[in-house]
Amino acid sequence: MSQPQTDTLPALNTVQAAAKLGLSPATLEKYRTIGGGPTFHKLGRAVRYTAANLETWSRARACESTSDPAYENLRRSAS
């Protein structure tokens, strides 16, 4: 009997990933060009994101307030 596959392939395209994050697809496209966005997979011409990578990237940007040093660092890196 074969074992069930536990690894999943990257499944979310740019539009789906952007919707999950509450961003525009253009924002993710920009991040792919300049860096700073979630890790993605390039499969031929297709770009795919895993839910785990989106979650990791989103959690790394958590801030408690606009005076949080993490917020200031994220603001500086975005410009």
PDB file of N, CA and C in Angstrom:
ATOM      1  N   MET A   1       0.849  -1.175   0.000  1.00  0.00           N
ATOM      2  CA  MET A   1       0.000   0.000   0.000  1.00  0.00           C
ATOM      3  C   MET A   1       0.894   1.238   0.000  1.00  0.00           C
ATOM      4  N   SER A   2       0.561   2.239  -0.779  1.00  0.00           N
ATOM      5  CA  SER A   2       1.395   3.438  -0.855  1.00  0.00           C
ATOM      6  C   SER A   2       1.066   4.405   0.278  1.00  0.00           C
ATOM      7  N   GLN A   3       2.086   5.151   0.658  1.00  0.00           N
ATOM      8  CA  GLN A   3       1.932   6.156   1.715  1.00  0.00           C
ATOM      9  C   GLN A   3       1.283   7.402   1.121  1.00  0.00           C
ATOM     10  N   PRO A   4       0.406   8.090   1.851  1.00  0.00           N
ATOM     11  CA  PRO A   4      -0.145   9.341   1.341  1.00  0.00           C
ATOM     12  C   PRO A   4       0.951  10.397   1.243  1.00  0.00           C
ATOM     13  N   GLN A   5       0.863  11.212   0.234  1.00  0.00           N
ATOM     14  CA  GLN A   5       1.832  12.291   0.029  1.00  0.00           C
ATOM     15  C   GLN A   5       1.562  13.396   1.051  1.00  0.00           C
ATOM     16  N   THR A   6       2.576  13.749   1.844  1.00  0.00           N
ATOM     17  CA  THR A   6       2.382  14.790   2.848  1.00  0.00           C
ATOM     18  C   THR A   6       2.922  16.131   2.383  1.00  0.00           C
ATOM     19  N   ASP A   7       3.847  16.125   1.428  1.00  0.00           N
ATOM     20  CA  ASP A   7       4.367  17.378   0.898  1.00  0.00           C
ATOM     21  C   ASP A   7       3.366  17.922  -0.114  1.00  0.00           C
ATOM     22  N   THR A   8       3.188  19.212  -0.105  1.00  0.00           N
ATOM     23  CA  THR A   8       2.288  19.816  -1.079  1.00  0.00           C
ATOM     24  C   THR A   8       3.073  20.758  -1.973  1.00  0.00           C
ATOM     25  N   LEU A   9       2.680  20.837  -3.196  1.00  0.00           N
ATOM     26  CA  LEU A   9       3.310  21.761  -4.125  1.00  0.00           C
ATOM     27  C   LEU A   9       2.807  23.168  -3.857  1.00  0.00           C
ATOM     28  N   PRO A  10       3.612  24.171  -4.195  1.00  0.00           N
ATOM     29  CA  PRO A  10       3.140  25.546  -4.071  1.00  0.00           C
ATOM     30  C   PRO A  10       1.864  25.715  -4.888  1.00  0.00           C
ATOM     31  N   ALA A  11       0.825  26.220  -4.282  1.00  0.00           N
ATOM     32  CA  ALA A  11      -0.471  26.200  -4.942  1.00  0.00           C
ATOM     33  C   ALA A  11      -1.054  27.574  -5.256  1.00  0.00           C
ATOM     34  N   LEU A  12      -0.621  28.604  -4.582  1.00  0.00           N
ATOM     35  CA  LEU A  12      -1.253  29.911  -4.769  1.00  0.00           C
ATOM     36  C   LEU A  12      -0.535  30.728  -5.824  1.00  0.00           C
ATOM     37  N   ASN A  13      -1.287  31.211  -6.817  1.00  0.00           N
ATOM     38  CA  ASN A  13      -0.682  32.115  -7.789  1.00  0.00           C
ATOM     39  C   ASN A  13      -0.629  33.524  -7.201  1.00  0.00           C
ATOM     40  N   THR A  14      -0.131  34.474  -7.954  1.00  0.00           N
ATOM     41  CA  THR A  14       0.049  35.835  -7.437  1.00  0.00           C
ATOM     42  C   THR A  14      -1.270  36.461  -6.999  1.00  0.00           C
ATOM     43  N   VAL A  15      -2.303  36.301  -7.802  1.00  0.00           N
ATOM     44  CA  VAL A  15      -3.612  36.893  -7.471  1.00  0.00           C
ATOM     45  C   VAL A  15      -4.157  36.286  -6.182  1.00  0.00           C
ATOM     46  N   GLN A  16      -4.061  34.969  -6.055  1.00  0.00           N
ATOM     47  CA  GLN A  16      -4.561  34.295  -4.857  1.00  0.00           C
ATOM     48  C   GLN A  16      -3.745  34.670  -3.625  1.00  0.00           C
ATOM     49  N   ALA A  17      -2.423  34.723  -3.770  1.00  0.00           N
ATOM     50  CA  ALA A  17      -1.561  35.083  -2.644  1.00  0.00           C
ATOM     51  C   ALA A  17      -1.823  36.520  -2.203  1.00  0.00           C
ATOM     52  N   ALA A  18      -1.975  37.412  -3.162  1.00  0.00           N
ATOM     53  CA  ALA A  18      -2.249  38.813  -2.834  1.00  0.00           C
ATOM     54  C   ALA A  18      -3.570  38.933  -2.081  1.00  0.00           C
ATOM     55  N   ALA A  19      -4.579  38.217  -2.536  1.00  0.00           N
ATOM     56  CA  ALA A  19      -5.884  38.259  -1.852  1.00  0.00           C
ATOM     57  C   ALA A  19      -5.765  37.738  -0.428  1.00  0.00           C
ATOM     58  N   LYS A  20      -5.006  36.672  -0.237  1.00  0.00           N
ATOM     59  CA  LYS A  20      -4.820  36.096   1.109  1.00  0.00           C
ATOM     60  C   LYS A  20      -4.138  37.091   2.043  1.00  0.00           C
ATOM     61  N   LEU A  21      -3.209  37.886   1.498  1.00  0.00           N
ATOM     62  CA  LEU A  21      -2.470  38.865   2.302  1.00  0.00           C
ATOM     63  C   LEU A  21      -3.171  40.220   2.386  1.00  0.00           C
ATOM     64  N   GLY A  22      -4.187  40.430   1.563  1.00  0.00           N
ATOM     65  CA  GLY A  22      -4.850  41.728   1.531  1.00  0.00           C
ATOM     66  C   GLY A  22      -4.041  42.780   0.787  1.00  0.00           C
ATOM     67  N   LEU A  23      -3.246  42.334  -0.177  1.00  0.00           N
ATOM     68  CA  LEU A  23      -2.419  43.229  -0.983  1.00  0.00           C
ATOM     69  C   LEU A  23      -2.871  43.150  -2.433  1.00  0.00           C
ATOM     70  N   SER A  24      -2.378  44.066  -3.241  1.00  0.00           N
ATOM     71  CA  SER A  24      -2.657  43.969  -4.670  1.00  0.00           C
ATOM     72  C   SER A  24      -1.634  43.043  -5.313  1.00  0.00           C
ATOM     73  N   PRO A  25      -2.001  42.392  -6.398  1.00  0.00           N
ATOM     74  CA  PRO A  25      -1.027  41.567  -7.113  1.00  0.00           C
ATOM     75  C   PRO A  25       0.199  42.380  -7.543  1.00  0.00           C
ATOM     76  N   ALA A  26      -0.005  43.645  -7.883  1.00  0.00           N
ATOM     77  CA  ALA A  26       1.116  44.493  -8.298  1.00  0.00           C
ATOM     78  C   ALA A  26       2.131  44.664  -7.165  1.00  0.00           C
ATOM     79  N   THR A  27       1.666  44.684  -5.930  1.00  0.00           N
ATOM     80  CA  THR A  27       2.581  44.804  -4.789  1.00  0.00           C
ATOM     81  C   THR A  27       3.475  43.572  -4.697  1.00  0.00           C
ATOM     82  N   LEU A  28       2.897  42.390  -4.845  1.00  0.00           N
ATOM     83  CA  LEU A  28       3.717  41.175  -4.815  1.00  0.00           C
ATOM     84  C   LEU A  28       4.673  41.136  -6.000  1.00  0.00           C
ATOM     85  N   GLU A  29       4.234  41.595  -7.150  1.00  0.00           N
ATOM     86  CA  GLU A  29       5.114  41.645  -8.325  1.00  0.00           C
ATOM     87  C   GLU A  29       6.288  42.583  -8.067  1.00  0.00           C
ATOM     88  N   LYS A  30       6.015  43.711  -7.433  1.00  0.00           N
ATOM     89  CA  LYS A  30       7.079  44.659  -7.107  1.00  0.00           C
ATOM     90  C   LYS A  30       8.064  44.044  -6.115  1.00  0.00           C
ATOM     91  N   TYR A  31       7.536  43.381  -5.084  1.00  0.00           N
ATOM     92  CA  TYR A  31       8.412  42.728  -4.111  1.00  0.00           C
ATOM     93  C   TYR A  31       9.292  41.666  -4.766  1.00  0.00           C
ATOM     94  N   ARG A  32       8.758  40.955  -5.757  1.00  0.00           N
ATOM     95  CA  ARG A  32       9.579  39.950  -6.444  1.00  0.00           C
ATOM     96  C   ARG A  32      10.731  40.610  -7.185  1.00  0.00           C
ATOM     97  N   THR A  33      10.518  41.829  -7.652  1.00  0.00           N
ATOM     98  CA  THR A  33      11.553  42.535  -8.399  1.00  0.00           C
ATOM     99  C   THR A  33      12.587  43.174  -7.482  1.00  0.00           C
ATOM    100  N   ILE A  34      12.120  43.861  -6.434  1.00  0.00           N
ATOM    101  CA  ILE A  34      13.044  44.609  -5.571  1.00  0.00           C
ATOM    102  C   ILE A  34      13.446  43.856  -4.312  1.00  0.00           C
ATOM    103  N   GLY A  35      12.747  42.761  -4.022  1.00  0.00           N
ATOM    104  CA  GLY A  35      13.027  41.998  -2.811  1.00  0.00           C
ATOM    105  C   GLY A  35      12.157  42.459  -1.656  1.00  0.00           C
ATOM    106  N   GLY A  36      12.168  41.702  -0.587  1.00  0.00           N
ATOM    107  CA  GLY A  36      11.425  42.058   0.613  1.00  0.00           C
ATOM    108  C   GLY A  36      10.077  41.385   0.734  1.00  0.00           C
ATOM    109  N   GLY A  37       9.660  40.653  -0.277  1.00  0.00           N
ATOM    110  CA  GLY A  37       8.365  39.981  -0.237  1.00  0.00           C
ATOM    111  C   GLY A  37       8.486  38.551   0.239  1.00  0.00           C
ATOM    112  N   PRO A  38       7.371  37.849   0.229  1.00  0.00           N
ATOM    113  CA  PRO A  38       7.395  36.445   0.654  1.00  0.00           C
ATOM    114  C   PRO A  38       8.172  35.581  -0.341  1.00  0.00           C
ATOM    115  N   THR A  39       8.722  34.499   0.151  1.00  0.00           N
ATOM    116  CA  THR A  39       9.419  33.540  -0.699  1.00  0.00           C
ATOM    117  C   THR A  39       8.435  32.968  -1.712  1.00  0.00           C
ATOM    118  N   PHE A  40       8.904  32.841  -2.953  1.00  0.00           N
ATOM    119  CA  PHE A  40       8.040  32.303  -4.004  1.00  0.00           C
ATOM    120  C   PHE A  40       8.791  31.227  -4.777  1.00  0.00           C
ATOM    121  N   HIS A  41       8.054  30.481  -5.565  1.00  0.00           N
ATOM    122  CA  HIS A  41       8.609  29.424  -6.408  1.00  0.00           C
ATOM    123  C   HIS A  41       8.355  29.809  -7.858  1.00  0.00           C
ATOM    124  N   LYS A  42       9.363  29.682  -8.675  1.00  0.00           N
ATOM    125  CA  LYS A  42       9.233  29.934 -10.103  1.00  0.00           C
ATOM    126  C   LYS A  42       9.225  28.582 -10.793  1.00  0.00           C
ATOM    127  N   LEU A  43       8.117  28.208 -11.382  1.00  0.00           N
ATOM    128  CA  LEU A  43       7.944  26.924 -12.049  1.00  0.00           C
ATOM    129  C   LEU A  43       7.668  27.201 -13.525  1.00  0.00           C
ATOM    130  N   GLY A  44       8.725  27.192 -14.304  1.00  0.00           N
ATOM    131  CA  GLY A  44       8.575  27.610 -15.696  1.00  0.00           C
ATOM    132  C   GLY A  44       8.237  29.088 -15.715  1.00  0.00           C
ATOM    133  N   ARG A  45       7.127  29.425 -16.328  1.00  0.00           N
ATOM    134  CA  ARG A  45       6.673  30.821 -16.338  1.00  0.00           C
ATOM    135  C   ARG A  45       5.776  31.146 -15.143  1.00  0.00           C
ATOM    136  N   ALA A  46       5.342  30.127 -14.432  1.00  0.00           N
ATOM    137  CA  ALA A  46       4.400  30.321 -13.326  1.00  0.00           C
ATOM    138  C   ALA A  46       5.125  30.678 -12.034  1.00  0.00           C
ATOM    139  N   VAL A  47       4.514  31.576 -11.287  1.00  0.00           N
ATOM    140  CA  VAL A  47       4.982  31.948  -9.949  1.00  0.00           C
ATOM    141  C   VAL A  47       3.966  31.390  -8.961  1.00  0.00           C
ATOM    142  N   ARG A  48       4.457  30.703  -7.936  1.00  0.00           N
ATOM    143  CA  ARG A  48       3.576  30.120  -6.925  1.00  0.00           C
ATOM    144  C   ARG A  48       4.110  30.408  -5.531  1.00  0.00           C
ATOM    145  N   TYR A  49       3.178  30.546  -4.594  1.00  0.00           N
ATOM    146  CA  TYR A  49       3.484  30.798  -3.188  1.00  0.00           C
ATOM    147  C   TYR A  49       2.879  29.684  -2.348  1.00  0.00           C
ATOM    148  N   THR A  50       3.577  29.309  -1.283  1.00  0.00           N
ATOM    149  CA  THR A  50       2.974  28.366  -0.337  1.00  0.00           C
ATOM    150  C   THR A  50       2.289  29.180   0.770  1.00  0.00           C
ATOM    151  N   ALA A  51       1.249  28.601   1.310  1.00  0.00           N
ATOM    152  CA  ALA A  51       0.556  29.254   2.419  1.00  0.00           C
ATOM    153  C   ALA A  51       1.500  29.441   3.601  1.00  0.00           C
ATOM    154  N   ALA A  52       2.388  28.472   3.821  1.00  0.00           N
ATOM    155  CA  ALA A  52       3.341  28.559   4.936  1.00  0.00           C
ATOM    156  C   ALA A  52       4.288  29.747   4.751  1.00  0.00           C
ATOM    157  N   ASN A  53       4.781  29.966   3.538  1.00  0.00           N
ATOM    158  CA  ASN A  53       5.678  31.104   3.297  1.00  0.00           C
ATOM    159  C   ASN A  53       4.954  32.433   3.454  1.00  0.00           C
ATOM    160  N   LEU A  54       3.704  32.497   3.035  1.00  0.00           N
ATOM    161  CA  LEU A  54       2.926  33.727   3.217  1.00  0.00           C
ATOM    162  C   LEU A  54       2.719  34.007   4.700  1.00  0.00           C
ATOM    163  N   GLU A  55       2.417  32.967   5.448  1.00  0.00           N
ATOM    164  CA  GLU A  55       2.208  33.097   6.903  1.00  0.00           C
ATOM    165  C   GLU A  55       3.488  33.557   7.598  1.00  0.00           C
ATOM    166  N   THR A  56       4.613  32.941   7.249  1.00  0.00           N
ATOM    167  CA  THR A  56       5.903  33.305   7.850  1.00  0.00           C
ATOM    168  C   THR A  56       6.234  34.758   7.554  1.00  0.00           C
ATOM    169  N   TRP A  57       6.071  35.163   6.311  1.00  0.00           N
ATOM    170  CA  TRP A  57       6.379  36.538   5.901  1.00  0.00           C
ATOM    171  C   TRP A  57       5.468  37.530   6.631  1.00  0.00           C
ATOM    172  N   SER A  58       4.199  37.214   6.713  1.00  0.00           N
ATOM    173  CA  SER A  58       3.236  38.095   7.379  1.00  0.00           C
ATOM    174  C   SER A  58       3.545  38.227   8.876  1.00  0.00           C
ATOM    175  N   ARG A  59       3.820  37.115   9.538  1.00  0.00           N
ATOM    176  CA  ARG A  59       4.120  37.151  10.975  1.00  0.00           C
ATOM    177  C   ARG A  59       5.395  37.935  11.277  1.00  0.00           C
ATOM    178  N   ALA A  60       6.359  37.894  10.361  1.00  0.00           N
ATOM    179  CA  ALA A  60       7.616  38.623  10.567  1.00  0.00           C
ATOM    180  C   ALA A  60       7.404  40.135  10.523  1.00  0.00           C
ATOM    181  N   ARG A  61       6.246  40.571  10.056  1.00  0.00           N
ATOM    182  CA  ARG A  61       5.950  41.994   9.961  1.00  0.00           C
ATOM    183  C   ARG A  61       4.996  42.491  11.039  1.00  0.00           C
ATOM    184  N   ALA A  62       4.793  41.692  12.061  1.00  0.00           N
ATOM    185  CA  ALA A  62       3.898  42.076  13.150  1.00  0.00           C
ATOM    186  C   ALA A  62       4.541  43.175  13.997  1.00  0.00           C
ATOM    187  N   CYS A  63       3.770  44.199  14.296  1.00  0.00           N
ATOM    188  CA  CYS A  63       4.222  45.317  15.138  1.00  0.00           C
ATOM    189  C   CYS A  63       3.131  45.628  16.153  1.00  0.00           C
ATOM    190  N   GLU A  64       3.537  46.138  17.290  1.00  0.00           N
ATOM    191  CA  GLU A  64       2.570  46.475  18.330  1.00  0.00           C
ATOM    192  C   GLU A  64       2.070  47.903  18.217  1.00  0.00           C
ATOM    193  N   SER A  65       2.893  48.794  17.671  1.00  0.00           N
ATOM    194  CA  SER A  65       2.482  50.185  17.489  1.00  0.00           C
ATOM    195  C   SER A  65       3.400  50.835  16.458  1.00  0.00           C
ATOM    196  N   THR A  66       3.060  52.058  16.067  1.00  0.00           N
ATOM    197  CA  THR A  66       3.918  52.760  15.106  1.00  0.00           C
ATOM    198  C   THR A  66       5.212  53.240  15.746  1.00  0.00           C
ATOM    199  N   SER A  67       5.309  53.176  17.072  1.00  0.00           N
ATOM    200  CA  SER A  67       6.565  53.525  17.734  1.00  0.00           C
ATOM    201  C   SER A  67       7.428  52.286  18.001  1.00  0.00           C
ATOM    202  N   ASP A  68       6.925  51.124  17.624  1.00  0.00           N
ATOM    203  CA  ASP A  68       7.667  49.877  17.748  1.00  0.00           C
ATOM    204  C   ASP A  68       8.901  49.945  16.834  1.00  0.00           C
ATOM    205  N   PRO A  69      10.101  49.659  17.353  1.00  0.00           N
ATOM    206  CA  PRO A  69      11.300  49.680  16.506  1.00  0.00           C
ATOM    207  C   PRO A  69      11.168  48.784  15.271  1.00  0.00           C
ATOM    208  N   ALA A  70      10.445  47.688  15.392  1.00  0.00           N
ATOM    209  CA  ALA A  70      10.241  46.804  14.242  1.00  0.00           C
ATOM    210  C   ALA A  70       9.470  47.535  13.147  1.00  0.00           C
ATOM    211  N   TYR A  71       8.506  48.356  13.539  1.00  0.00           N
ATOM    212  CA  TYR A  71       7.730  49.137  12.568  1.00  0.00           C
ATOM    213  C   TYR A  71       8.636  50.118  11.840  1.00  0.00           C
ATOM    214  N   GLU A  72       9.484  50.800  12.578  1.00  0.00           N
ATOM    215  CA  GLU A  72      10.406  51.759  11.960  1.00  0.00           C
ATOM    216  C   GLU A  72      11.338  51.061  10.978  1.00  0.00           C
ATOM    217  N   ASN A  73      11.845  49.898  11.355  1.00  0.00           N
ATOM    218  CA  ASN A  73      12.725  49.141  10.463  1.00  0.00           C
ATOM    219  C   ASN A  73      11.998  48.722   9.189  1.00  0.00           C
ATOM    220  N   LEU A  74      10.756  48.276   9.322  1.00  0.00           N
ATOM    221  CA  LEU A  74       9.974  47.878   8.149  1.00  0.00           C
ATOM    222  C   LEU A  74       9.673  49.081   7.254  1.00  0.00           C
ATOM    223  N   ARG A  75       9.389  50.221   7.868  1.00  0.00           N
ATOM    224  CA  ARG A  75       9.117  51.438   7.095  1.00  0.00           C
ATOM    225  C   ARG A  75      10.335  51.843   6.291  1.00  0.00           C
ATOM    226  N   ARG A  76      11.511  51.797   6.925  1.00  0.00           N
ATOM    227  CA  ARG A  76      12.744  52.181   6.232  1.00  0.00           C
ATOM    228  C   ARG A  76      13.061  51.229   5.100  1.00  0.00           C
ATOM    229  N   SER A  77      12.840  49.942   5.319  1.00  0.00           N
ATOM    230  CA  SER A  77      13.175  48.961   4.272  1.00  0.00           C
ATOM    231  C   SER A  77      12.194  49.004   3.103  1.00  0.00           C
ATOM    232  N   ALA A  78      11.001  49.551   3.325  1.00  0.00           N
ATOM    233  CA  ALA A  78       9.991  49.625   2.261  1.00  0.00           C
ATOM    234  C   ALA A  78      10.239  50.812   1.327  1.00  0.00           C
ATOM    235  N   SER A  79      11.028  51.785   1.765  1.00  0.00           N
ATOM    236  CA  SER A  79      11.222  52.956   0.903  1.00  0.00           C
ATOM    237  C   SER A  79      12.429  52.841   0.019  1.00  0.00           C
TER     238      SER A  79
END
